[in-house]
C-alpha atoms as a PDB file:
ATOM      1  CA  MET A   1      25.198 -31.761 -14.215  1.00  0.00           C
ATOM      2  CA  PRO A   2      24.885 -34.370 -13.380  1.00  0.00           C
ATOM      3  CA  GLU A   3      22.675 -33.612  -9.901  1.00  0.00           C
ATOM      4  CA  LEU A   4      20.860 -35.748  -7.630  1.00  0.00           C
ATOM      5  CA  PRO A   5      18.029 -37.383  -9.950  1.00  0.00           C
ATOM      6  CA  GLU A   6      20.421 -38.165 -12.818  1.00  0.00           C
ATOM      7  CA  VAL A   7      23.261 -40.029 -10.113  1.00  0.00           C
ATOM      8  CA  GLU A   8      20.367 -41.869  -8.058  1.00  0.00           C
ATOM      9  CA  ASN A   9      19.283 -43.134 -11.732  1.00  0.00           C
ATOM     10  CA  TYR A  10      23.052 -44.408 -12.238  1.00  0.00           C
ATOM     11  CA  ALA A  11      23.059 -46.011  -9.095  1.00  0.00           C
ATOM     12  CA  ARG A  12      19.673 -47.841  -9.601  1.00  0.00           C
ATOM     13  CA  ASP A  13      20.518 -48.745 -13.236  1.00  0.00           C
ATOM     14  CA  LEU A  14      24.182 -50.308 -11.993  1.00  0.00           C
ATOM     15  CA  LYS A  15      23.499 -52.254  -9.305  1.00  0.00           C
ATOM     16  CA  PRO A  16      21.613 -55.157 -11.115  1.00  0.00           C
ATOM     17  CA  MET A  17      24.774 -54.641 -13.831  1.00  0.00           C
ATOM     18  CA  LEU A  18      27.470 -54.538 -11.214  1.00  0.00           C
ATOM     19  CA  VAL A  19      26.813 -56.045  -8.075  1.00  0.00           C
ATOM     20  CA  GLY A  20      28.838 -59.576  -7.473  1.00  0.00           C
ATOM     21  CA  ARG A  21      30.767 -58.662 -10.368  1.00  0.00           C
ATOM     22  CA  ARG A  22      34.815 -58.739  -9.634  1.00  0.00           C
ATOM     23  CA  ILE A  23      37.381 -56.479 -10.773  1.00  0.00           C
ATOM     24  CA  VAL A  24      39.724 -58.048 -12.620  1.00  0.00           C
ATOM     25  CA  ASP A  25      41.103 -55.220 -14.732  1.00  0.00           C
ATOM     26  CA  VAL A  26      42.347 -51.600 -13.987  1.00  0.00           C
ATOM     27  CA  GLN A  27      43.351 -49.202 -16.519  1.00  0.00           C
ATOM     28  CA  VAL A  28      43.958 -45.130 -15.971  1.00  0.00           C
ATOM     29  CA  PHE A  29      44.560 -43.056 -19.297  1.00  0.00           C
ATOM     30  CA  TRP A  30      44.283 -39.839 -17.195  1.00  0.00           C
ATOM     31  CA  PRO A  31      45.701 -40.200 -13.795  1.00  0.00           C
ATOM     32  CA  ARG A  32      44.372 -36.831 -12.698  1.00  0.00           C
ATOM     33  CA  THR A  33      40.966 -39.002 -12.572  1.00  0.00           C
ATOM     34  CA  ILE A  34      42.382 -40.376  -9.396  1.00  0.00           C
ATOM     35  CA  GLY A  35      41.695 -38.595  -6.401  1.00  0.00           C
ATOM     36  CA  ARG A  36      42.535 -41.202  -3.965  1.00  0.00           C
ATOM     37  CA  PRO A  37      45.169 -42.727  -3.583  1.00  0.00           C
ATOM     38  CA  ALA A  38      47.669 -42.886  -5.996  1.00  0.00           C
ATOM     39  CA  PRO A  39      46.557 -43.928  -9.326  1.00  0.00           C
ATOM     40  CA  GLU A  40      49.196 -47.265  -9.462  1.00  0.00           C
ATOM     41  CA  ALA A  41      47.820 -47.616  -5.594  1.00  0.00           C
ATOM     42  CA  PHE A  42      44.405 -47.420  -6.836  1.00  0.00           C
ATOM     43  CA  ALA A  43      44.430 -49.370  -9.601  1.00  0.00           C
ATOM     44  CA  ALA A  44      46.368 -52.168  -7.509  1.00  0.00           C
ATOM     45  CA  ALA A  45      43.859 -51.991  -4.158  1.00  0.00           C
ATOM     46  CA  LEU A  46      40.835 -52.556  -7.132  1.00  0.00           C
ATOM     47  CA  LEU A  47      41.986 -55.689  -8.420  1.00  0.00           C
ATOM     48  CA  GLY A  48      40.138 -58.734  -7.245  1.00  0.00           C
ATOM     49  CA  ARG A  49      37.289 -56.750  -5.468  1.00  0.00           C
ATOM     50  CA  GLN A  50      33.964 -57.931  -5.654  1.00  0.00           C
ATOM     51  CA  ILE A  51      31.424 -54.900  -5.934  1.00  0.00           C
ATOM     52  CA  VAL A  52      28.826 -55.806  -3.253  1.00  0.00           C
ATOM     53  CA  ASN A  53      26.308 -52.580  -3.443  1.00  0.00           C
ATOM     54  CA  THR A  54      25.742 -49.351  -5.377  1.00  0.00           C
ATOM     55  CA  ASP A  55      24.372 -46.203  -3.971  1.00  0.00           C
ATOM     56  CA  ARG A  56      24.233 -42.584  -3.833  1.00  0.00           C
ATOM     57  CA  ARG A  57      25.156 -39.460  -1.303  1.00  0.00           C
ATOM     58  CA  GLY A  58      24.334 -35.898  -2.961  1.00  0.00           C
ATOM     59  CA  LYS A  59      25.944 -35.993  -6.261  1.00  0.00           C
ATOM     60  CA  TYR A  60      28.479 -39.165  -5.494  1.00  0.00           C
ATOM     61  CA  LEU A  61      28.434 -42.464  -6.606  1.00  0.00           C
ATOM     62  CA  LEU A  62      29.357 -45.244  -3.854  1.00  0.00           C
ATOM     63  CA  PHE A  63      30.092 -48.852  -4.905  1.00  0.00           C
ATOM     64  CA  THR A  64      30.713 -50.715  -1.926  1.00  0.00           C
ATOM     65  CA  LEU A  65      33.180 -53.178  -2.174  1.00  0.00           C
ATOM     66  CA  ASP A  66      33.905 -56.737  -0.739  1.00  0.00           C
ATOM     67  CA  ASN A  67      36.433 -55.817   1.863  1.00  0.00           C
ATOM     68  CA  HIS A  68      34.239 -52.631   3.219  1.00  0.00           C
ATOM     69  CA  HIS A  69      36.278 -50.212   1.223  1.00  0.00           C
ATOM     70  CA  THR A  70      34.371 -47.747  -0.758  1.00  0.00           C
ATOM     71  CA  LEU A  71      34.554 -46.335  -4.253  1.00  0.00           C
ATOM     72  CA  ILE A  72      33.625 -43.225  -4.670  1.00  0.00           C
ATOM     73  CA  LEU A  73      32.887 -41.413  -8.323  1.00  0.00           C
ATOM     74  CA  HIS A  74      32.118 -37.478  -8.342  1.00  0.00           C
ATOM     75  CA  LEU A  75      30.898 -36.947 -12.371  1.00  0.00           C
ATOM     76  CA  ARG A  76      31.224 -33.345 -12.366  1.00  0.00           C
ATOM     77  CA  MET A  77      30.236 -31.693 -15.211  1.00  0.00           C
ATOM     78  CA  THR A  78      30.359 -34.411 -17.635  1.00  0.00           C
ATOM     79  CA  GLY A  79      31.355 -37.654 -16.180  1.00  0.00           C
ATOM     80  CA  GLY A  80      29.882 -40.686 -17.621  1.00  0.00           C
ATOM     81  CA  LEU A  81      29.631 -44.659 -16.916  1.00  0.00           C
ATOM     82  CA  CYS A  82      28.582 -47.195 -19.513  1.00  0.00           C
ATOM     83  CA  LEU A  83      29.090 -51.161 -19.581  1.00  0.00           C
ATOM     84  CA  GLU A  84      30.710 -51.898 -23.138  1.00  0.00           C
ATOM     85  CA  ALA A  85      31.378 -55.483 -24.718  1.00  0.00           C
ATOM     86  CA  PRO A  86      34.563 -57.295 -24.041  1.00  0.00           C
ATOM     87  CA  GLN A  87      37.624 -56.135 -25.870  1.00  0.00           C
ATOM     88  CA  ALA A  88      35.671 -53.085 -26.678  1.00  0.00           C
ATOM     89  CA  GLU A  89      37.970 -50.029 -28.034  1.00  0.00           C
ATOM     90  CA  PRO A  90      37.958 -47.147 -25.528  1.00  0.00           C
ATOM     91  CA  LEU A  91      36.723 -44.275 -26.994  1.00  0.00           C
ATOM     92  CA  LYS A  92      37.994 -40.675 -27.040  1.00  0.00           C
ATOM     93  CA  HIS A  93      37.695 -38.935 -23.476  1.00  0.00           C
ATOM     94  CA  THR A  94      37.562 -42.506 -21.623  1.00  0.00           C
ATOM     95  CA  HIS A  95      40.151 -42.079 -18.640  1.00  0.00           C
ATOM     96  CA  VAL A  96      39.560 -45.158 -16.428  1.00  0.00           C
ATOM     97  CA  VAL A  97      38.182 -48.925 -17.852  1.00  0.00           C
ATOM     98  CA  LEU A  98      37.341 -51.387 -15.181  1.00  0.00           C
ATOM     99  CA  GLY A  99      37.168 -55.335 -16.689  1.00  0.00           C
ATOM    100  CA  LEU A 100      34.782 -57.219 -15.238  1.00  0.00           C
ATOM    101  CA  ASP A 101      34.664 -61.218 -14.370  1.00  0.00           C
ATOM    102  CA  ASN A 102      32.164 -61.828 -16.681  1.00  0.00           C
ATOM    103  CA  GLY A 103      34.283 -59.935 -19.573  1.00  0.00           C
ATOM    104  CA  GLN A 104      32.448 -56.726 -19.905  1.00  0.00           C
ATOM    105  CA  GLN A 105      34.128 -53.343 -19.047  1.00  0.00           C
ATOM    106  CA  LEU A 106      33.067 -50.538 -17.447  1.00  0.00           C
ATOM    107  CA  HIS A 107      34.082 -47.461 -19.158  1.00  0.00           C
ATOM    108  CA  TYR A 108      34.223 -43.873 -17.211  1.00  0.00           C
ATOM    109  CA  ARG A 109      34.396 -41.134 -20.025  1.00  0.00           C
ATOM    110  CA  ASP A 110      34.323 -37.454 -19.068  1.00  0.00           C
ATOM    111  CA  GLN A 111      34.984 -34.746 -21.725  1.00  0.00           C
ATOM    112  CA  ARG A 112      35.906 -32.058 -19.500  1.00  0.00           C
ATOM    113  CA  LYS A 113      38.047 -34.047 -17.340  1.00  0.00           C
ATOM    114  CA  PHE A 114      36.457 -32.832 -13.895  1.00  0.00           C
ATOM    115  CA  GLY A 115      35.297 -36.005 -12.728  1.00  0.00           C
ATOM    116  CA  ARG A 116      37.123 -37.418  -9.547  1.00  0.00           C
ATOM    117  CA  PHE A 117      37.257 -41.462  -8.307  1.00  0.00           C
ATOM    118  CA  TYR A 118      38.352 -41.954  -4.550  1.00  0.00           C
ATOM    119  CA  LEU A 119      39.160 -45.327  -2.741  1.00  0.00           C
ATOM    120  CA  VAL A 120      38.886 -44.868   0.816  1.00  0.00           C
ATOM    121  CA  ASP A 121      38.044 -47.083   3.755  1.00  0.00           C
ATOM    122  CA  ASP A 122      35.425 -44.689   4.891  1.00  0.00           C
ATOM    123  CA  PRO A 123      33.124 -42.613   2.890  1.00  0.00           C
ATOM    124  CA  ALA A 124      32.865 -39.825   5.670  1.00  0.00           C
ATOM    125  CA  MET A 125      36.564 -39.053   4.349  1.00  0.00           C
ATOM    126  CA  ILE A 126      34.976 -38.028   1.015  1.00  0.00           C
ATOM    127  CA  VAL A 127      30.920 -37.122   2.056  1.00  0.00           C
ATOM    128  CA  GLY A 128      31.220 -36.801   5.354  1.00  0.00           C
ATOM    129  CA  LYS A 129      30.738 -32.794   5.183  1.00  0.00           C
ATOM    130  CA  LEU A 130      27.344 -33.175   3.057  1.00  0.00           C
ATOM    131  CA  GLY A 131      24.220 -31.844   4.172  1.00  0.00           C
ATOM    132  CA  PRO A 132      20.894 -34.181   4.394  1.00  0.00           C
ATOM    133  CA  GLU A 133      19.521 -35.860   1.606  1.00  0.00           C
ATOM    134  CA  PRO A 134      16.744 -33.756   0.447  1.00  0.00           C
ATOM    135  CA  LEU A 135      14.320 -36.954   0.136  1.00  0.00           C
ATOM    136  CA  SER A 136      14.911 -38.240   3.525  1.00  0.00           C
ATOM    137  CA  ASP A 137      12.989 -37.824   6.893  1.00  0.00           C
ATOM    138  CA  ALA A 138      16.552 -35.810   8.017  1.00  0.00           C
ATOM    139  CA  PHE A 139      15.745 -33.009   5.844  1.00  0.00           C
ATOM    140  CA  THR A 140      12.923 -31.068   7.419  1.00  0.00           C
ATOM    141  CA  PRO A 141      11.436 -27.466   6.924  1.00  0.00           C
ATOM    142  CA  THR A 142      12.985 -26.461  10.703  1.00  0.00           C
ATOM    143  CA  ASP A 143      16.066 -27.947   9.730  1.00  0.00           C
ATOM    144  CA  LEU A 144      16.374 -25.936   6.388  1.00  0.00           C
ATOM    145  CA  LEU A 145      15.210 -22.629   8.670  1.00  0.00           C
ATOM    146  CA  HIS A 146      18.008 -22.857  10.895  1.00  0.00           C
ATOM    147  CA  ALA A 147      20.560 -23.860   8.362  1.00  0.00           C
ATOM    148  CA  ILE A 148      19.737 -20.613   6.071  1.00  0.00           C
ATOM    149  CA  ALA A 149      19.384 -18.457   9.683  1.00  0.00           C
ATOM    150  CA  GLY A 150      21.045 -15.167   9.024  1.00  0.00           C
ATOM    151  CA  ARG A 151      22.850 -15.806   5.831  1.00  0.00           C
ATOM    152  CA  ARG A 152      22.867 -12.644   3.726  1.00  0.00           C
ATOM    153  CA  SER A 153      23.498 -15.070   0.623  1.00  0.00           C
ATOM    154  CA  VAL A 154      20.444 -14.963  -1.440  1.00  0.00           C
ATOM    155  CA  ILE A 155      18.730 -18.448  -1.658  1.00  0.00           C
ATOM    156  CA  LYS A 156      19.595 -20.137  -5.053  1.00  0.00           C
ATOM    157  CA  THR A 157      23.272 -19.668  -3.803  1.00  0.00           C
ATOM    158  CA  LEU A 158      22.387 -21.354  -0.207  1.00  0.00           C
ATOM    159  CA  LEU A 159      20.521 -24.268  -2.348  1.00  0.00           C
ATOM    160  CA  LEU A 160      23.685 -24.964  -4.064  1.00  0.00           C
ATOM    161  CA  ASP A 161      25.591 -25.018  -0.995  1.00  0.00           C
ATOM    162  CA  GLN A 162      26.235 -28.884  -0.207  1.00  0.00           C
ATOM    163  CA  THR A 163      26.623 -28.886   3.214  1.00  0.00           C
ATOM    164  CA  ILE A 164      23.007 -27.048   3.564  1.00  0.00           C
ATOM    165  CA  VAL A 165      21.172 -29.890   1.514  1.00  0.00           C
ATOM    166  CA  ALA A 166      23.043 -32.483  -0.628  1.00  0.00           C
ATOM    167  CA  GLY A 167      22.496 -33.089  -4.187  1.00  0.00           C
ATOM    168  CA  ILE A 168      20.884 -29.696  -5.831  1.00  0.00           C
ATOM    169  CA  GLY A 169      22.222 -28.288  -8.532  1.00  0.00           C
ATOM    170  CA  ASN A 170      21.627 -25.509 -11.051  1.00  0.00           C
ATOM    171  CA  ILE A 171      18.744 -26.974 -12.545  1.00  0.00           C
ATOM    172  CA  TYR A 172      16.662 -28.266  -9.453  1.00  0.00           C
ATOM    173  CA  ALA A 173      17.412 -25.200  -7.561  1.00  0.00           C
ATOM    174  CA  ASP A 174      15.984 -23.302 -10.467  1.00  0.00           C
ATOM    175  CA  GLU A 175      12.658 -25.307 -10.638  1.00  0.00           C
ATOM    176  CA  ALA A 176      12.270 -25.214  -6.804  1.00  0.00           C
ATOM    177  CA  LEU A 177      12.015 -21.963  -6.497  1.00  0.00           C
ATOM    178  CA  PHE A 178       9.323 -21.582  -8.880  1.00  0.00           C
ATOM    179  CA  LEU A 179       7.362 -24.283  -7.372  1.00  0.00           C
ATOM    180  CA  ALA A 180       7.929 -22.590  -3.802  1.00  0.00           C
ATOM    181  CA  GLY A 181       7.189 -19.425  -5.490  1.00  0.00           C
ATOM    182  CA  ILE A 182       9.760 -17.894  -3.690  1.00  0.00           C
ATOM    183  CA  ASP A 183      12.313 -15.171  -5.998  1.00  0.00           C
ATOM    184  CA  PRO A 184      16.118 -16.904  -6.263  1.00  0.00           C
ATOM    185  CA  ARG A 185      17.057 -13.524  -5.006  1.00  0.00           C
ATOM    186  CA  ARG A 186      15.654 -13.176  -1.952  1.00  0.00           C
ATOM    187  CA  PRO A 187      18.364 -13.578   1.120  1.00  0.00           C
ATOM    188  CA  GLY A 188      18.150 -16.351   2.795  1.00  0.00           C
ATOM    189  CA  SER A 189      17.815 -14.514   6.308  1.00  0.00           C
ATOM    190  CA  THR A 190      14.593 -13.375   4.750  1.00  0.00           C
ATOM    191  CA  LEU A 191      12.819 -16.636   4.703  1.00  0.00           C
ATOM    192  CA  THR A 192      10.282 -17.484   7.055  1.00  0.00           C
ATOM    193  CA  LEU A 193       9.391 -21.021   8.538  1.00  0.00           C
ATOM    194  CA  VAL A 194       6.408 -20.848   5.929  1.00  0.00           C
ATOM    195  CA  ASP A 195       8.678 -20.370   3.672  1.00  0.00           C
ATOM    196  CA  CYS A 196      10.885 -22.791   4.185  1.00  0.00           C
ATOM    197  CA  ALA A 197       7.951 -25.243   3.992  1.00  0.00           C
ATOM    198  CA  ARG A 198       7.018 -24.550   0.731  1.00  0.00           C
ATOM    199  CA  LEU A 199      10.737 -25.011  -0.553  1.00  0.00           C
ATOM    200  CA  HIS A 200      11.012 -28.014   1.506  1.00  0.00           C
ATOM    201  CA  THR A 201       8.126 -29.973  -0.265  1.00  0.00           C
ATOM    202  CA  ALA A 202       9.146 -27.931  -3.775  1.00  0.00           C
ATOM    203  CA  VAL A 203      12.658 -29.473  -3.491  1.00  0.00           C
ATOM    204  CA  ARG A 204      10.991 -32.639  -2.852  1.00  0.00           C
ATOM    205  CA  GLN A 205       8.653 -32.726  -5.820  1.00  0.00           C
ATOM    206  CA  ALA A 206      11.093 -31.210  -8.101  1.00  0.00           C
ATOM    207  CA  LEU A 207      13.913 -34.240  -7.418  1.00  0.00           C
ATOM    208  CA  ALA A 208      10.952 -37.010  -7.240  1.00  0.00           C
ATOM    209  CA  GLU A 209       9.719 -35.989 -10.391  1.00  0.00           C
ATOM    210  CA  ALA A 210      12.851 -35.789 -12.221  1.00  0.00           C
ATOM    211  CA  ILE A 211      14.086 -39.476 -10.638  1.00  0.00           C
ATOM    212  CA  ARG A 212      11.242 -40.723 -12.714  1.00  0.00           C
ATOM    213  CA  GLU A 213      12.084 -39.383 -15.744  1.00  0.00           C
ATOM    214  CA  GLY A 214      15.165 -40.349 -15.342  1.00  0.00           C
ATOM    215  CA  GLY A 215      17.127 -36.788 -15.042  1.00  0.00           C
ATOM    216  CA  SER A 216      17.420 -34.360 -17.550  1.00  0.00           C
ATOM    217  CA  SER A 217      19.368 -34.332 -20.571  1.00  0.00           C
ATOM    218  CA  LEU A 218      20.739 -30.752 -21.799  1.00  0.00           C
ATOM    219  CA  GLY A 219      24.166 -31.262 -23.695  1.00  0.00           C
ATOM    220  CA  ARG A 220      24.584 -29.979 -27.279  1.00  0.00           C
ATOM    221  CA  SER A 221      26.732 -33.476 -28.548  1.00  0.00           C
ATOM    222  CA  ALA A 222      26.585 -37.222 -27.172  1.00  0.00           C
ATOM    223  CA  LEU A 223      29.651 -36.569 -24.888  1.00  0.00           C
ATOM    224  CA  SER A 224      28.817 -33.521 -22.841  1.00  0.00           C
ATOM    225  CA  ASN A 225      25.078 -34.786 -22.649  1.00  0.00           C
ATOM    226  CA  TYR A 226      23.657 -36.602 -19.887  1.00  0.00           C
ATOM    227  CA  ALA A 227      22.746 -40.362 -20.339  1.00  0.00           C
ATOM    228  CA  ARG A 228      22.297 -43.638 -18.346  1.00  0.00           C
ATOM    229  CA  PRO A 229      24.375 -46.330 -18.359  1.00  0.00           C
ATOM    230  CA  THR A 230      21.781 -47.777 -20.374  1.00  0.00           C
ATOM    231  CA  GLY A 231      22.152 -45.345 -23.081  1.00  0.00           C
ATOM    232  CA  LEU A 232      18.864 -43.652 -22.389  1.00  0.00           C
ATOM    233  CA  ARG A 233      18.215 -39.888 -22.142  1.00  0.00           C
ATOM    234  CA  GLY A 234      16.758 -38.278 -19.385  1.00  0.00           C
ATOM    235  CA  ARG A 235      13.049 -36.746 -19.943  1.00  0.00           C
ATOM    236  CA  TYR A 236      12.518 -34.420 -17.323  1.00  0.00           C
ATOM    237  CA  GLN A 237      14.363 -31.573 -19.243  1.00  0.00           C
ATOM    238  CA  GLU A 238      10.718 -31.746 -21.562  1.00  0.00           C
ATOM    239  CA  ARG A 239       8.970 -30.229 -18.111  1.00  0.00           C
ATOM    240  CA  HIS A 240      11.280 -27.578 -17.099  1.00  0.00           C
ATOM    241  CA  ARG A 241       9.272 -25.314 -16.107  1.00  0.00           C
ATOM    242  CA  VAL A 242      11.772 -22.297 -15.953  1.00  0.00           C
ATOM    243  CA  PHE A 243      15.169 -23.454 -16.436  1.00  0.00           C
ATOM    244  CA  ARG A 244      16.773 -22.592 -19.978  1.00  0.00           C
ATOM    245  CA  ARG A 245      13.452 -21.311 -20.812  1.00  0.00           C
ATOM    246  CA  THR A 246      14.521 -17.117 -20.976  1.00  0.00           C
ATOM    247  CA  GLY A 247      12.119 -15.060 -22.593  1.00  0.00           C
ATOM    248  CA  LEU A 248       9.386 -18.003 -22.729  1.00  0.00           C
ATOM    249  CA  PRO A 249       6.157 -17.686 -21.554  1.00  0.00           C
ATOM    250  CA  CYS A 250       5.847 -18.969 -17.734  1.00  0.00           C
ATOM    251  CA  PRO A 251       3.499 -22.210 -18.026  1.00  0.00           C
ATOM    252  CA  VAL A 252       1.405 -20.428 -15.056  1.00  0.00           C
ATOM    253  CA  CYS A 253       0.726 -16.927 -16.026  1.00  0.00           C
ATOM    254  CA  GLY A 254       2.306 -16.083 -19.728  1.00  0.00           C
ATOM    255  CA  THR A 255       4.963 -13.727 -18.169  1.00  0.00           C
ATOM    256  CA  PRO A 256       8.638 -14.231 -20.019  1.00  0.00           C
ATOM    257  CA  ILE A 257      10.908 -16.310 -17.991  1.00  0.00           C
ATOM    258  CA  GLN A 258      13.948 -14.252 -16.613  1.00  0.00           C
ATOM    259  CA  GLN A 259      17.203 -14.788 -16.886  1.00  0.00           C
ATOM    260  CA  VAL A 260      19.820 -13.173 -14.302  1.00  0.00           C
ATOM    261  CA  ARG A 261      23.552 -14.602 -12.874  1.00  0.00           C
ATOM    262  CA  LEU A 262      23.850 -15.234  -9.070  1.00  0.00           C
ATOM    263  CA  ALA A 263      27.094 -16.557  -7.840  1.00  0.00           C
ATOM    264  CA  GLN A 264      28.367 -16.528 -11.619  1.00  0.00           C
ATOM    265  CA  ARG A 265      25.574 -19.006 -12.411  1.00  0.00           C
ATOM    266  CA  SER A 266      22.644 -18.804 -14.521  1.00  0.00           C
ATOM    267  CA  THR A 267      19.096 -18.405 -12.736  1.00  0.00           C
ATOM    268  CA  HIS A 268      15.878 -18.660 -14.434  1.00  0.00           C
ATOM    269  CA  PHE A 269      12.411 -17.302 -12.481  1.00  0.00           C
ATOM    270  CA  CYS A 270       9.093 -15.914 -13.377  1.00  0.00           C
ATOM    271  CA  PRO A 271       9.318 -12.130 -12.014  1.00  0.00           C
ATOM    272  CA  HIS A 272       5.464 -12.463 -11.789  1.00  0.00           C
ATOM    273  CA  CYS A 273       5.209 -15.770  -9.794  1.00  0.00           C
ATOM    274  CA  GLN A 274       8.289 -15.513  -7.565  1.00  0.00           C
ATOM    275  CA  ASP A 275       7.786 -12.435  -5.826  1.00  0.00           C
ATOM    276  CA  ASN A 276      10.045 -10.942  -2.917  1.00  0.00           C
ATOM    277  CA  SER A 277       7.738 -11.591  -0.227  1.00  0.00           C
ATOM    278  CA  ALA A 278       6.712 -14.228   2.005  1.00  0.00           C
ATOM    279  CA  THR A 279       3.036 -14.393   0.560  1.00  0.00           C
ATOM    280  CA  ALA A 280       3.805 -15.814  -2.615  1.00  0.00           C
ATOM    281  CA  ALA A 281       1.590 -19.028  -3.290  1.00  0.00           C
ATOM    282  CA  PRO A 282       3.193 -22.165  -4.552  1.00  0.00           C
ATOM    283  CA  ARG A 283       3.167 -23.093  -8.085  1.00  0.00           C
ATOM    284  CA  ALA A 284       1.762 -26.541 -10.080  1.00  0.00           C
END
């Protein structure tokens, strides 16, 4: 967390708030939050710059600046941004504050401290190795088949590989595999083009639904829980079919949802709807 739908909502929400605003103050309270360049150089390079666009690539937030440099943020597990009033006091776990020319402040908070900022002249320095965007025309069933062909890793693990397809994490991998009727434990090499076509459709369905619902808010506390910059919580967790529903009935067949560990990640699936063959039907 956050994954593609959550970051997409951040980019959309922040656009009207930030585009056209100029950065007039930079405060860094946790230097390790700055991945590139050094914190002092980071702050100096941002001063006076105008934000001309907000965008997303995979799980990364991209802020294009008026000098054509890009401020990139990876929220990781618990990172979050919110727009605060002038002179607002930073709360606990606030690591970066950007003062804007309208008096407002953009606060970055991160309880686990895993998130990172990068200021680069070429975004490819950070996001260049990412695979295709799953909602773009560049992501096709044939491309997916070629990317996983011959791979012994299970398909759940391959979906989490950001070089195969960008932006999918634990939540939406589980949801997409259920929608496609594919067992998450199947080796990637066993998937056919028919399987990949079902999975391609399911990935796009799960992500599009989640974007419309504002993403998924799962944490037990406000600090660890995803919320949009507006403060609104996501709603897609109310529509999860398998993720974190261990022991509850499958919404299609009623079989209890199972949980296993794959590549040290919790994985949720229906053992009846998601079999190990290439003949399972996609789920609604």
